[in-house]
Amino acid sequence: MALIDYHYEMSHCHRCSYCKFIPFQLIKSKRFSYLCPSISLRNFHSFSAGGRAALGLAVVEGRLDEYTEMMKQIVFECTMCGACQVQCRTFNFNLNPIEVMQALRTHVVEQGEMMPEHMFVIEGLKREDNVFGEPKKHRGDWAEGLGLKDISREKVDVLLHVGCRMSFDDEFWPILKMAVEIMKNAGLSVGIAGAEESCCGGRALEMGFEGVFQNFAEAMAGRVKASGAKQVVTLCADCFGTFNEHYPAHGWGLDAEVVHITQFISNLISEGKLTLKNQVPMAVTYHDPCHLGRRGEPGVQWKGEYQRLGPHLFGPVPEKPIRLGQNGCYDAPREILEAIPGVELTEMERTREYSWCCGAGGGVLEAFEEMAEATASERIQEAEATGAKALVTACPWCERNFKDTLESTGGDMKIYDIVELVHQAIGG
């Protein structure tokens, strides 16, 4: 939908500021009461969902005729974590702030105004099909010697979609190999696209480049269909969220079930096909990646308009699906951690659909280093407050930003992908 189609929603934002905090009844301390990283850092209303709605309204009503650097910072310095959407809907306001911000970004890019740092990503996508602009021919190097099937040559039961971060950041290759070992031991026919795999397109969309996203979504849909796979498994929360939310919302579907590796492993455990026998003595806390949690909730394509339903009463026709972020992937990672002997899990104050973001999403990691680091640092401090010695997550983008932040700021917190703990528990 175009920005103008959200005129009703932008003009009916109550400016209540609920989008800035976790629900009041869930607040355990003032220290960890904020939910929106952007307003928490800048402390100025324009950097909140409500402020951006006001900005979008001014744009569509022609009250702004110049795109200043400050305006672009307000538009793009947001991780698109979706926390504001959950809060706005929780309080029963019939608005969709994350959709408004997505439409605002797309509109601004269509006017020729974009972040130079984002152009590096987009040019890399167009040239090499990945967000880093690395040579595409090396995308499958991580799998050398593993004996995985090539989906361009044979049909498979399970397609492992690796994603850009894990394909080109070799620090993650051991984790990928652990996941493959677990999947192959389950007796499944697993294949990859290797050098022919391409980006899911999610980052391009959230940076405002919808046309680029559409091209990658079409390619992914075709690749899955040709592979014959019944399941698409990914270790990347960004890819999971893109497949589950963005694809359906834009009319794209994959002819296969989309499964995150935590769901895959949790199912193996519950079916008795995977036994976690070794002690892993560790006090941990778990970070919910936004695109695995609230933004991993299935999206729906809605076509309609707001109409007068009665005196002083407007509403969407047909009725618009309500997404509260509660149907994301929250239980599977926790079930795994609770099944590992020796692991002691302590939750942070902000969890599940009210989780604090890692700071790496929405193009922030690429264009706003200060915010990416401040957001990750806030989460690490929240993890430390639990007494845990390790922060476990299930997304390479979160893990990368946490590790880079710790390297910059210092600290003893250990960062793990949940697959690493599973591998230790099975004796790997």
Foldseek 3Di string as FASTA:
>chain_A
DALVQCLVQLVPDPLPCLLQFDPPVLDPDPLRTGQFLQCVVVVDVCLTLNNVSPVSNCVVVVVDDDCDPVNQCSLQQGQLLQSSQLRCVVVPDPHGSSVNSLNVLLVCVVVVDAFPLQVQQVVLCVQCQARNVPHLLQQQVLCPPVPAAALVVAAFQEEEQEARLCSPVVVNSVLVSLLVVVVVLLVGRYHYNRSPHHHCLQLVSLRNNVVSNVVSLVVVQVSQVSRNYQEYEYLALSSLLCQFAVQQQVPHHHNHHYYYSLRVVLVCVVVVNAAQADADAFEEEEAEASSQFLSSHGHHHDDFHWDAPDVVDIATVPHDDRRNRHPGPAVSLVSLQVRHHNYHYDYFSQDGSSGQHQQQHSCCVRRPVVSNLVSNVSVVVSRVVRVGQEYEYRHPSSQVSNVVSCVVPPDRYHYYYSSVSSSVRRPD
